[in-house]
Amino acid sequence: MSLVSGPGRGGASTGHVPDELKLVVENHVEYIQSLDTRQDELEYWLTEHLRLNGVYWGLTALHLLGHPEALPRHATIDFVLSCQHENGGFGAAPGHDAHMLYTVSAVQILGTVDAVEELNRRGKAGKENVGKYIADLQDQETGSFAGDQWGETDTRFLYGAFNALSLLHMLHLVDVPKAVTHIQACANFDGGYGVSPGAESHAGQIFTCVGALAIAGRLDLVDRNRLGGWLSERQLPNGGLNGRPEKLEDVCYSWWVMSSMAIIDRLHWIDRDKLAQFILRCQVSTFDLTSIELFILIYT
């Protein structure tokens, strides 16, 4: 593991992205727009437990692509509110149990389309109840957060709570110092963070912990060089990033790794040109995908 500044196994910058590798923006927009029209396909219903998350992912992608209008705003708001429970939480789709992850996506979607106040106007429970639902999932002894009433804890849920509550301006509802202490307990010798105290470092969990610390204003607790070294080692010779040592590369880790690198100001430790080429080579130029490709894209 590299613990000094500089590029990881991807090597030094290669210069530029070849002209033939282009982001086919219009195709991506059409693909996202097509997803809710495929209700006669088995995969549509197999992924219903991801529906609200998927709306957030698609909406965010459209904004990044410069097409925020590609999904109808009012229909999007209506769907989000249809997923809410009386206790303030949100399920993945109408009729699904409330969970932290879906509640976070709901708040993020409403924030993105400037409709948070719709929680008070038309929601089954007002904004205050959403905040209370999230806050009630914090363990007052450990500072950790459960995903739902059944009690599973994970640093993903802690980050989600901080994210949603900060967007709602309700971070005061939870014990932030105790949550920060829990994050510190999840830190490892390599600079990374795991899902819980003692768990191995993982790029996804690192983002949740570093992101939560950023929201809490406690990035002073992060060993930026040690963590940056571990994250830079996630880049493989083909430019792609993996989530843990000895694992294969995956486009999703372009987000998990690079977002953390951005937060700790170590983006220059990754060969961005190689990463961009890897991502573009994973691109499917048409949205007429096979069933298994559709499932993989939605699921990841």
C-alpha atoms as a PDB file:
ATOM      1  CA  MET A   1       0.000   0.000   0.000  1.00  0.00           C
ATOM      2  CA  SER A   2       1.314   3.409  -0.940  1.00  0.00           C
ATOM      3  CA  LEU A   3       1.368   5.885   1.918  1.00  0.00           C
ATOM      4  CA  VAL A   4       3.153   8.702   0.082  1.00  0.00           C
ATOM      5  CA  SER A   5       1.813  11.309  -2.307  1.00  0.00           C
ATOM      6  CA  GLY A   6       1.613  10.488  -5.971  1.00  0.00           C
ATOM      7  CA  PRO A   7      -0.395   8.332  -8.362  1.00  0.00           C
ATOM      8  CA  GLY A   8      -1.456   4.812  -7.479  1.00  0.00           C
ATOM      9  CA  ARG A   9      -1.033   1.761  -9.657  1.00  0.00           C
ATOM     10  CA  GLY A  10      -2.685   3.575 -12.542  1.00  0.00           C
ATOM     11  CA  GLY A  11       0.574   5.425 -13.080  1.00  0.00           C
ATOM     12  CA  ALA A  12       1.210   9.014 -14.082  1.00  0.00           C
ATOM     13  CA  SER A  13      -1.149  11.037 -16.248  1.00  0.00           C
ATOM     14  CA  THR A  14      -1.283   9.904 -19.862  1.00  0.00           C
ATOM     15  CA  GLY A  15      -2.206  13.281 -21.293  1.00  0.00           C
ATOM     16  CA  HIS A  16      -5.700  13.346 -22.781  1.00  0.00           C
ATOM     17  CA  VAL A  17      -8.737  11.296 -23.657  1.00  0.00           C
ATOM     18  CA  PRO A  18      -8.762  10.061 -27.295  1.00  0.00           C
ATOM     19  CA  ASP A  19     -11.168  11.940 -29.555  1.00  0.00           C
ATOM     20  CA  GLU A  20     -13.078   8.757 -30.431  1.00  0.00           C
ATOM     21  CA  LEU A  21     -14.136   8.333 -26.786  1.00  0.00           C
ATOM     22  CA  LYS A  22     -17.054  10.689 -26.299  1.00  0.00           C
ATOM     23  CA  LEU A  23     -19.898  10.843 -23.801  1.00  0.00           C
ATOM     24  CA  VAL A  24     -23.077  10.218 -25.812  1.00  0.00           C
ATOM     25  CA  VAL A  25     -25.242  12.571 -23.778  1.00  0.00           C
ATOM     26  CA  GLU A  26     -28.478  12.282 -25.754  1.00  0.00           C
ATOM     27  CA  ASN A  27     -28.396   8.483 -25.570  1.00  0.00           C
ATOM     28  CA  HIS A  28     -28.000   8.574 -21.802  1.00  0.00           C
ATOM     29  CA  VAL A  29     -30.894  11.007 -21.483  1.00  0.00           C
ATOM     30  CA  GLU A  30     -33.115   8.761 -23.632  1.00  0.00           C
ATOM     31  CA  TYR A  31     -32.089   5.693 -21.635  1.00  0.00           C
ATOM     32  CA  ILE A  32     -33.061   7.301 -18.318  1.00  0.00           C
ATOM     33  CA  GLN A  33     -36.351   8.529 -19.753  1.00  0.00           C
ATOM     34  CA  SER A  34     -37.125   5.030 -21.048  1.00  0.00           C
ATOM     35  CA  LEU A  35     -36.800   3.232 -17.713  1.00  0.00           C
ATOM     36  CA  ASP A  36     -40.348   3.861 -16.507  1.00  0.00           C
ATOM     37  CA  THR A  37     -41.822   2.809 -19.844  1.00  0.00           C
ATOM     38  CA  ARG A  38     -40.620  -0.798 -19.487  1.00  0.00           C
ATOM     39  CA  GLN A  39     -43.306  -1.961 -17.103  1.00  0.00           C
ATOM     40  CA  ASP A  40     -44.025  -5.055 -19.165  1.00  0.00           C
ATOM     41  CA  GLU A  41     -40.515  -6.371 -18.436  1.00  0.00           C
ATOM     42  CA  LEU A  42     -39.697  -8.652 -15.525  1.00  0.00           C
ATOM     43  CA  GLU A  43     -36.665  -6.602 -14.543  1.00  0.00           C
ATOM     44  CA  TYR A  44     -38.848  -3.561 -13.895  1.00  0.00           C
ATOM     45  CA  TRP A  45     -40.629  -5.370 -11.077  1.00  0.00           C
ATOM     46  CA  LEU A  46     -37.561  -7.217  -9.804  1.00  0.00           C
ATOM     47  CA  THR A  47     -36.005  -3.837  -9.093  1.00  0.00           C
ATOM     48  CA  GLU A  48     -39.050  -2.213  -7.473  1.00  0.00           C
ATOM     49  CA  HIS A  49     -37.179  -2.231  -4.152  1.00  0.00           C
ATOM     50  CA  LEU A  50     -34.770   0.282  -5.750  1.00  0.00           C
ATOM     51  CA  ARG A  51     -37.387   2.519  -7.395  1.00  0.00           C
ATOM     52  CA  LEU A  52     -37.041   5.682  -5.303  1.00  0.00           C
ATOM     53  CA  ASN A  53     -33.253   5.372  -5.233  1.00  0.00           C
ATOM     54  CA  GLY A  54     -33.342   4.946  -9.002  1.00  0.00           C
ATOM     55  CA  VAL A  55     -35.318   8.148  -9.460  1.00  0.00           C
ATOM     56  CA  TYR A  56     -32.632   9.980  -7.493  1.00  0.00           C
ATOM     57  CA  TRP A  57     -29.798   8.422  -9.506  1.00  0.00           C
ATOM     58  CA  GLY A  58     -31.517   9.213 -12.793  1.00  0.00           C
ATOM     59  CA  LEU A  59     -32.433  12.747 -11.794  1.00  0.00           C
ATOM     60  CA  THR A  60     -28.897  13.474 -10.613  1.00  0.00           C
ATOM     61  CA  ALA A  61     -27.441  12.093 -13.836  1.00  0.00           C
ATOM     62  CA  LEU A  62     -29.775  14.264 -15.892  1.00  0.00           C
ATOM     63  CA  HIS A  63     -28.736  17.373 -13.989  1.00  0.00           C
ATOM     64  CA  LEU A  64     -25.066  16.526 -14.497  1.00  0.00           C
ATOM     65  CA  LEU A  65     -25.749  15.982 -18.195  1.00  0.00           C
ATOM     66  CA  GLY A  66     -27.383  19.395 -18.445  1.00  0.00           C
ATOM     67  CA  HIS A  67     -30.946  18.101 -18.963  1.00  0.00           C
ATOM     68  CA  PRO A  68     -32.754  18.679 -15.656  1.00  0.00           C
ATOM     69  CA  GLU A  69     -36.075  19.027 -17.482  1.00  0.00           C
ATOM     70  CA  ALA A  70     -35.916  15.509 -18.963  1.00  0.00           C
ATOM     71  CA  LEU A  71     -38.039  14.056 -16.143  1.00  0.00           C
ATOM     72  CA  PRO A  72     -41.409  15.757 -15.505  1.00  0.00           C
ATOM     73  CA  ARG A  73     -41.087  17.725 -12.272  1.00  0.00           C
ATOM     74  CA  HIS A  74     -44.656  17.425 -11.019  1.00  0.00           C
ATOM     75  CA  ALA A  75     -44.895  13.702 -11.742  1.00  0.00           C
ATOM     76  CA  THR A  76     -41.588  13.190  -9.960  1.00  0.00           C
ATOM     77  CA  ILE A  77     -42.840  15.030  -6.873  1.00  0.00           C
ATOM     78  CA  ASP A  78     -46.109  13.104  -6.927  1.00  0.00           C
ATOM     79  CA  PHE A  79     -44.281   9.775  -7.018  1.00  0.00           C
ATOM     80  CA  VAL A  80     -41.970  10.721  -4.154  1.00  0.00           C
ATOM     81  CA  LEU A  81     -44.882  11.781  -1.947  1.00  0.00           C
ATOM     82  CA  SER A  82     -46.773   8.571  -2.785  1.00  0.00           C
ATOM     83  CA  CYS A  83     -43.941   6.617  -1.128  1.00  0.00           C
ATOM     84  CA  GLN A  84     -44.273   8.382   2.235  1.00  0.00           C
ATOM     85  CA  HIS A  85     -45.623   6.805   5.424  1.00  0.00           C
ATOM     86  CA  GLU A  86     -47.527   8.473   8.239  1.00  0.00           C
ATOM     87  CA  ASN A  87     -44.410   8.274  10.456  1.00  0.00           C
ATOM     88  CA  GLY A  88     -42.527  10.540   8.045  1.00  0.00           C
ATOM     89  CA  GLY A  89     -40.334   7.872   6.473  1.00  0.00           C
ATOM     90  CA  PHE A  90     -40.348   6.786   2.837  1.00  0.00           C
ATOM     91  CA  GLY A  91     -40.412   3.367   1.215  1.00  0.00           C
ATOM     92  CA  ALA A  92     -38.832   2.319  -2.084  1.00  0.00           C
ATOM     93  CA  ALA A  93     -42.216   2.484  -3.813  1.00  0.00           C
ATOM     94  CA  PRO A  94     -45.856   2.799  -2.743  1.00  0.00           C
ATOM     95  CA  GLY A  95     -46.647   0.001  -0.297  1.00  0.00           C
ATOM     96  CA  HIS A  96     -43.021  -0.679   0.669  1.00  0.00           C
ATOM     97  CA  ASP A  97     -41.781  -0.313   4.252  1.00  0.00           C
ATOM     98  CA  ALA A  98     -40.123   2.924   5.287  1.00  0.00           C
ATOM     99  CA  HIS A  99     -36.318   2.860   5.420  1.00  0.00           C
ATOM    100  CA  MET A 100     -33.510   5.351   5.963  1.00  0.00           C
ATOM    101  CA  LEU A 101     -32.049   4.898   2.459  1.00  0.00           C
ATOM    102  CA  TYR A 102     -35.327   5.626   0.676  1.00  0.00           C
ATOM    103  CA  THR A 103     -36.059   8.530   2.994  1.00  0.00           C
ATOM    104  CA  VAL A 104     -32.691  10.051   2.119  1.00  0.00           C
ATOM    105  CA  SER A 105     -33.377   9.656  -1.603  1.00  0.00           C
ATOM    106  CA  ALA A 106     -36.782  11.290  -1.163  1.00  0.00           C
ATOM    107  CA  VAL A 107     -35.280  14.312   0.566  1.00  0.00           C
ATOM    108  CA  GLN A 108     -32.503  14.550  -2.034  1.00  0.00           C
ATOM    109  CA  ILE A 109     -34.996  14.420  -4.909  1.00  0.00           C
ATOM    110  CA  LEU A 110     -37.240  17.058  -3.377  1.00  0.00           C
ATOM    111  CA  GLY A 111     -34.225  19.232  -2.669  1.00  0.00           C
ATOM    112  CA  THR A 112     -32.985  18.857  -6.251  1.00  0.00           C
ATOM    113  CA  VAL A 113     -36.330  19.943  -7.758  1.00  0.00           C
ATOM    114  CA  ASP A 114     -36.814  22.678  -5.133  1.00  0.00           C
ATOM    115  CA  ALA A 115     -39.868  21.029  -3.608  1.00  0.00           C
ATOM    116  CA  VAL A 116     -38.988  20.316   0.020  1.00  0.00           C
ATOM    117  CA  GLU A 117     -41.907  22.457   1.152  1.00  0.00           C
ATOM    118  CA  GLU A 118     -44.267  20.029  -0.583  1.00  0.00           C
ATOM    119  CA  LEU A 119     -43.734  17.814   2.469  1.00  0.00           C
ATOM    120  CA  ASN A 120     -45.789  20.290   4.468  1.00  0.00           C
ATOM    121  CA  ARG A 121     -48.267  21.067   1.705  1.00  0.00           C
ATOM    122  CA  ARG A 122     -49.125  17.613   0.374  1.00  0.00           C
ATOM    123  CA  GLY A 123     -47.077  15.003   2.211  1.00  0.00           C
ATOM    124  CA  LYS A 124     -48.633  12.367   4.480  1.00  0.00           C
ATOM    125  CA  ALA A 125     -46.373  13.741   7.206  1.00  0.00           C
ATOM    126  CA  GLY A 126     -44.757  17.185   7.345  1.00  0.00           C
ATOM    127  CA  LYS A 127     -41.088  18.046   7.169  1.00  0.00           C
ATOM    128  CA  GLU A 128     -40.751  17.921  10.956  1.00  0.00           C
ATOM    129  CA  ASN A 129     -41.954  14.313  10.990  1.00  0.00           C
ATOM    130  CA  VAL A 130     -39.402  13.359   8.345  1.00  0.00           C
ATOM    131  CA  GLY A 131     -36.681  14.764  10.566  1.00  0.00           C
ATOM    132  CA  LYS A 132     -38.083  12.954  13.587  1.00  0.00           C
ATOM    133  CA  TYR A 133     -38.258   9.654  11.703  1.00  0.00           C
ATOM    134  CA  ILE A 134     -34.560   9.935  10.869  1.00  0.00           C
ATOM    135  CA  ALA A 135     -33.513  11.133  14.317  1.00  0.00           C
ATOM    136  CA  ASP A 136     -35.380   8.315  16.055  1.00  0.00           C
ATOM    137  CA  LEU A 137     -33.187   5.792  14.247  1.00  0.00           C
ATOM    138  CA  GLN A 138     -30.075   6.949  16.107  1.00  0.00           C
ATOM    139  CA  ASP A 139     -28.748   4.685  18.862  1.00  0.00           C
ATOM    140  CA  GLN A 140     -28.319   7.016  21.815  1.00  0.00           C
ATOM    141  CA  GLU A 141     -25.568   4.857  23.317  1.00  0.00           C
ATOM    142  CA  THR A 142     -23.299   4.320  20.314  1.00  0.00           C
ATOM    143  CA  GLY A 143     -24.274   7.240  18.072  1.00  0.00           C
ATOM    144  CA  SER A 144     -24.820   4.874  15.122  1.00  0.00           C
ATOM    145  CA  PHE A 145     -27.974   4.805  12.994  1.00  0.00           C
ATOM    146  CA  ALA A 146     -30.281   1.944  12.070  1.00  0.00           C
ATOM    147  CA  GLY A 147     -31.794   1.632   8.616  1.00  0.00           C
ATOM    148  CA  ASP A 148     -35.290   0.938   9.899  1.00  0.00           C
ATOM    149  CA  GLN A 149     -37.268  -0.335  12.874  1.00  0.00           C
ATOM    150  CA  TRP A 150     -35.539  -3.733  12.679  1.00  0.00           C
ATOM    151  CA  GLY A 151     -32.249  -2.290  13.875  1.00  0.00           C
ATOM    152  CA  GLU A 152     -29.549  -3.081  11.286  1.00  0.00           C
ATOM    153  CA  THR A 153     -26.746  -0.505  11.679  1.00  0.00           C
ATOM    154  CA  ASP A 154     -24.340   0.638   8.994  1.00  0.00           C
ATOM    155  CA  THR A 155     -22.243   3.750   8.348  1.00  0.00           C
ATOM    156  CA  ARG A 156     -24.334   4.204   5.189  1.00  0.00           C
ATOM    157  CA  PHE A 157     -27.303   4.997   7.402  1.00  0.00           C
ATOM    158  CA  LEU A 158     -25.288   7.447   9.491  1.00  0.00           C
ATOM    159  CA  TYR A 159     -24.187   9.357   6.396  1.00  0.00           C
ATOM    160  CA  GLY A 160     -27.714   9.244   5.001  1.00  0.00           C
ATOM    161  CA  ALA A 161     -29.092  10.704   8.222  1.00  0.00           C
ATOM    162  CA  PHE A 162     -26.550  13.532   8.186  1.00  0.00           C
ATOM    163  CA  ASN A 163     -27.167  14.191   4.491  1.00  0.00           C
ATOM    164  CA  ALA A 164     -30.952  14.369   4.721  1.00  0.00           C
ATOM    165  CA  LEU A 165     -31.041  16.289   7.999  1.00  0.00           C
ATOM    166  CA  SER A 166     -28.546  18.841   6.719  1.00  0.00           C
ATOM    167  CA  LEU A 167     -30.727  19.388   3.627  1.00  0.00           C
ATOM    168  CA  LEU A 168     -33.741  19.825   5.892  1.00  0.00           C
ATOM    169  CA  HIS A 169     -31.746  22.122   8.231  1.00  0.00           C
ATOM    170  CA  MET A 170     -32.479  19.731  11.109  1.00  0.00           C
ATOM    171  CA  LEU A 171     -29.083  18.335  12.001  1.00  0.00           C
ATOM    172  CA  HIS A 172     -29.672  19.603  15.530  1.00  0.00           C
ATOM    173  CA  LEU A 173     -32.163  16.771  16.066  1.00  0.00           C
ATOM    174  CA  VAL A 174     -29.372  14.193  16.440  1.00  0.00           C
ATOM    175  CA  ASP A 175     -26.307  13.775  18.635  1.00  0.00           C
ATOM    176  CA  VAL A 176     -23.636  14.766  16.134  1.00  0.00           C
ATOM    177  CA  PRO A 177     -20.617  14.399  18.489  1.00  0.00           C
ATOM    178  CA  LYS A 178     -21.650  10.862  19.435  1.00  0.00           C
ATOM    179  CA  ALA A 179     -22.106   9.944  15.775  1.00  0.00           C
ATOM    180  CA  VAL A 180     -18.648  11.338  15.040  1.00  0.00           C
ATOM    181  CA  THR A 181     -17.236   9.176  17.819  1.00  0.00           C
ATOM    182  CA  HIS A 182     -18.836   6.142  16.179  1.00  0.00           C
ATOM    183  CA  ILE A 183     -17.216   7.030  12.855  1.00  0.00           C
ATOM    184  CA  GLN A 184     -13.843   7.248  14.578  1.00  0.00           C
ATOM    185  CA  ALA A 185     -14.433   3.752  15.960  1.00  0.00           C
ATOM    186  CA  CYS A 186     -14.883   2.513  12.373  1.00  0.00           C
ATOM    187  CA  ALA A 187     -11.466   3.841  11.291  1.00  0.00           C
ATOM    188  CA  ASN A 188      -8.723   1.354  10.389  1.00  0.00           C
ATOM    189  CA  PHE A 189      -4.913   1.364  10.472  1.00  0.00           C
ATOM    190  CA  ASP A 190      -4.773   1.872   6.683  1.00  0.00           C
ATOM    191  CA  GLY A 191      -6.634   5.195   6.935  1.00  0.00           C
ATOM    192  CA  GLY A 192      -9.898   3.768   5.629  1.00  0.00           C
ATOM    193  CA  TYR A 193     -13.252   3.066   7.271  1.00  0.00           C
ATOM    194  CA  GLY A 194     -15.522   0.037   7.465  1.00  0.00           C
ATOM    195  CA  VAL A 195     -19.217  -0.611   7.810  1.00  0.00           C
ATOM    196  CA  SER A 196     -18.812  -0.951  11.590  1.00  0.00           C
ATOM    197  CA  PRO A 197     -15.982  -1.006  14.169  1.00  0.00           C
ATOM    198  CA  GLY A 198     -13.501  -3.717  13.195  1.00  0.00           C
ATOM    199  CA  ALA A 199     -14.796  -4.166   9.646  1.00  0.00           C
ATOM    200  CA  GLU A 200     -12.406  -3.951   6.686  1.00  0.00           C
ATOM    201  CA  SER A 201     -11.924  -0.728   4.778  1.00  0.00           C
ATOM    202  CA  HIS A 202     -14.161  -0.347   1.736  1.00  0.00           C
ATOM    203  CA  ALA A 203     -14.345   2.526  -0.736  1.00  0.00           C
ATOM    204  CA  GLY A 204     -18.102   2.888  -0.379  1.00  0.00           C
ATOM    205  CA  GLN A 205     -17.969   3.002   3.405  1.00  0.00           C
ATOM    206  CA  ILE A 206     -15.065   5.431   3.250  1.00  0.00           C
ATOM    207  CA  PHE A 207     -17.236   7.865   1.330  1.00  0.00           C
ATOM    208  CA  THR A 208     -20.051   7.571   3.847  1.00  0.00           C
ATOM    209  CA  CYS A 209     -17.718   8.194   6.785  1.00  0.00           C
ATOM    210  CA  VAL A 210     -15.704  10.991   5.188  1.00  0.00           C
ATOM    211  CA  GLY A 211     -18.882  12.578   3.833  1.00  0.00           C
ATOM    212  CA  ALA A 212     -20.503  12.489   7.260  1.00  0.00           C
ATOM    213  CA  LEU A 213     -17.400  14.010   8.843  1.00  0.00           C
ATOM    214  CA  ALA A 214     -17.454  16.764   6.214  1.00  0.00           C
ATOM    215  CA  ILE A 215     -21.085  17.578   7.033  1.00  0.00           C
ATOM    216  CA  ALA A 216     -20.225  17.568  10.750  1.00  0.00           C
ATOM    217  CA  GLY A 217     -17.259  19.888  10.148  1.00  0.00           C
ATOM    218  CA  ARG A 218     -14.792  17.298  11.536  1.00  0.00           C
ATOM    219  CA  LEU A 219     -12.467  16.544   8.626  1.00  0.00           C
ATOM    220  CA  ASP A 220      -9.655  17.335  11.032  1.00  0.00           C
ATOM    221  CA  LEU A 221     -10.069  13.755  12.247  1.00  0.00           C
ATOM    222  CA  VAL A 222      -9.141  12.276   8.844  1.00  0.00           C
ATOM    223  CA  ASP A 223      -5.541  11.244   8.101  1.00  0.00           C
ATOM    224  CA  ARG A 224      -5.692  12.634   4.575  1.00  0.00           C
ATOM    225  CA  ASN A 225      -2.345  11.329   3.348  1.00  0.00           C
ATOM    226  CA  ARG A 226      -2.827   7.817   4.688  1.00  0.00           C
ATOM    227  CA  LEU A 227      -6.401   7.638   3.385  1.00  0.00           C
ATOM    228  CA  GLY A 228      -5.390   9.237   0.086  1.00  0.00           C
ATOM    229  CA  GLY A 229      -2.681   6.609  -0.302  1.00  0.00           C
ATOM    230  CA  TRP A 230      -5.153   3.769   0.228  1.00  0.00           C
ATOM    231  CA  LEU A 231      -7.661   5.298  -2.173  1.00  0.00           C
ATOM    232  CA  SER A 232      -5.060   5.957  -4.875  1.00  0.00           C
ATOM    233  CA  GLU A 233      -4.114   2.276  -4.748  1.00  0.00           C
ATOM    234  CA  ARG A 234      -7.630   1.456  -5.890  1.00  0.00           C
ATOM    235  CA  GLN A 235      -6.700   2.518  -9.430  1.00  0.00           C
ATOM    236  CA  LEU A 236      -5.694  -0.413 -11.619  1.00  0.00           C
ATOM    237  CA  PRO A 237      -3.437  -0.321 -14.701  1.00  0.00           C
ATOM    238  CA  ASN A 238      -6.476  -0.061 -17.012  1.00  0.00           C
ATOM    239  CA  GLY A 239      -7.507   3.147 -15.242  1.00  0.00           C
ATOM    240  CA  GLY A 240     -10.533   1.690 -13.455  1.00  0.00           C
ATOM    241  CA  LEU A 241     -11.008   1.717  -9.705  1.00  0.00           C
ATOM    242  CA  ASN A 242     -11.876  -1.104  -7.340  1.00  0.00           C
ATOM    243  CA  GLY A 243     -13.458  -0.938  -3.901  1.00  0.00           C
ATOM    244  CA  ARG A 244     -10.992  -3.100  -1.975  1.00  0.00           C
ATOM    245  CA  PRO A 245      -7.550  -4.638  -2.555  1.00  0.00           C
ATOM    246  CA  GLU A 246      -7.428  -7.595  -4.951  1.00  0.00           C
ATOM    247  CA  LYS A 247     -10.884  -6.869  -6.388  1.00  0.00           C
ATOM    248  CA  LEU A 248     -11.876  -6.106  -9.969  1.00  0.00           C
ATOM    249  CA  GLU A 249     -12.527  -2.611 -11.230  1.00  0.00           C
ATOM    250  CA  ASP A 250     -16.092  -1.310 -11.432  1.00  0.00           C
ATOM    251  CA  VAL A 251     -17.439   1.971 -12.792  1.00  0.00           C
ATOM    252  CA  CYS A 252     -19.389   2.595  -9.579  1.00  0.00           C
ATOM    253  CA  TYR A 253     -16.141   3.064  -7.658  1.00  0.00           C
ATOM    254  CA  SER A 254     -15.332   6.020  -9.885  1.00  0.00           C
ATOM    255  CA  TRP A 255     -17.863   7.788  -7.668  1.00  0.00           C
ATOM    256  CA  TRP A 256     -17.090   6.249  -4.309  1.00  0.00           C
ATOM    257  CA  VAL A 257     -13.335   6.729  -4.583  1.00  0.00           C
ATOM    258  CA  MET A 258     -13.209  10.056  -6.384  1.00  0.00           C
ATOM    259  CA  SER A 259     -15.819  11.708  -4.190  1.00  0.00           C
ATOM    260  CA  SER A 260     -13.738  10.892  -1.122  1.00  0.00           C
ATOM    261  CA  MET A 261     -10.555  12.051  -2.871  1.00  0.00           C
ATOM    262  CA  ALA A 262     -12.275  15.344  -3.666  1.00  0.00           C
ATOM    263  CA  ILE A 263     -13.349  15.840  -0.053  1.00  0.00           C
ATOM    264  CA  ILE A 264      -9.792  15.319   1.244  1.00  0.00           C
ATOM    265  CA  ASP A 265      -8.183  17.309  -1.623  1.00  0.00           C
ATOM    266  CA  ARG A 266      -6.289  14.385  -3.155  1.00  0.00           C
ATOM    267  CA  LEU A 267      -7.852  14.152  -6.623  1.00  0.00           C
ATOM    268  CA  HIS A 268      -4.432  14.755  -8.172  1.00  0.00           C
ATOM    269  CA  TRP A 269      -3.290  11.379  -6.822  1.00  0.00           C
ATOM    270  CA  ILE A 270      -5.442   9.622  -9.450  1.00  0.00           C
ATOM    271  CA  ASP A 271      -4.749   9.510 -13.186  1.00  0.00           C
ATOM    272  CA  ARG A 272      -7.939  11.210 -14.290  1.00  0.00           C
ATOM    273  CA  ASP A 273      -7.353  10.682 -18.011  1.00  0.00           C
ATOM    274  CA  LYS A 274      -6.986   6.915 -17.607  1.00  0.00           C
ATOM    275  CA  LEU A 275     -10.093   6.843 -15.422  1.00  0.00           C
ATOM    276  CA  ALA A 276     -12.086   8.874 -17.950  1.00  0.00           C
ATOM    277  CA  GLN A 277     -11.040   6.496 -20.740  1.00  0.00           C
ATOM    278  CA  PHE A 278     -12.045   3.479 -18.641  1.00  0.00           C
ATOM    279  CA  ILE A 279     -15.479   4.957 -17.921  1.00  0.00           C
ATOM    280  CA  LEU A 280     -16.091   5.862 -21.558  1.00  0.00           C
ATOM    281  CA  ARG A 281     -15.068   2.378 -22.699  1.00  0.00           C
ATOM    282  CA  CYS A 282     -17.762   0.980 -20.397  1.00  0.00           C
ATOM    283  CA  GLN A 283     -20.357   3.115 -22.157  1.00  0.00           C
ATOM    284  CA  VAL A 284     -23.108   1.450 -24.159  1.00  0.00           C
ATOM    285  CA  SER A 285     -23.853   3.713 -27.104  1.00  0.00           C
ATOM    286  CA  THR A 286     -27.493   2.639 -27.412  1.00  0.00           C
ATOM    287  CA  PHE A 287     -30.158   2.427 -24.698  1.00  0.00           C
ATOM    288  CA  ASP A 288     -31.697  -0.671 -26.297  1.00  0.00           C
ATOM    289  CA  LEU A 289     -29.995  -2.952 -23.776  1.00  0.00           C
ATOM    290  CA  THR A 290     -30.458  -6.639 -23.126  1.00  0.00           C
ATOM    291  CA  SER A 291     -32.356  -7.641 -20.006  1.00  0.00           C
ATOM    292  CA  ILE A 292     -29.257  -8.574 -18.008  1.00  0.00           C
ATOM    293  CA  GLU A 293     -27.482  -5.334 -18.966  1.00  0.00           C
ATOM    294  CA  LEU A 294     -30.510  -3.347 -17.815  1.00  0.00           C
ATOM    295  CA  PHE A 295     -30.609  -5.189 -14.503  1.00  0.00           C
ATOM    296  CA  ILE A 296     -26.870  -4.640 -13.877  1.00  0.00           C
ATOM    297  CA  LEU A 297     -27.073  -0.940 -14.707  1.00  0.00           C
ATOM    298  CA  ILE A 298     -30.071  -0.355 -12.451  1.00  0.00           C
ATOM    299  CA  TYR A 299     -28.769  -2.499  -9.619  1.00  0.00           C
ATOM    300  CA  THR A 300     -25.326  -0.907  -9.476  1.00  0.00           C
END
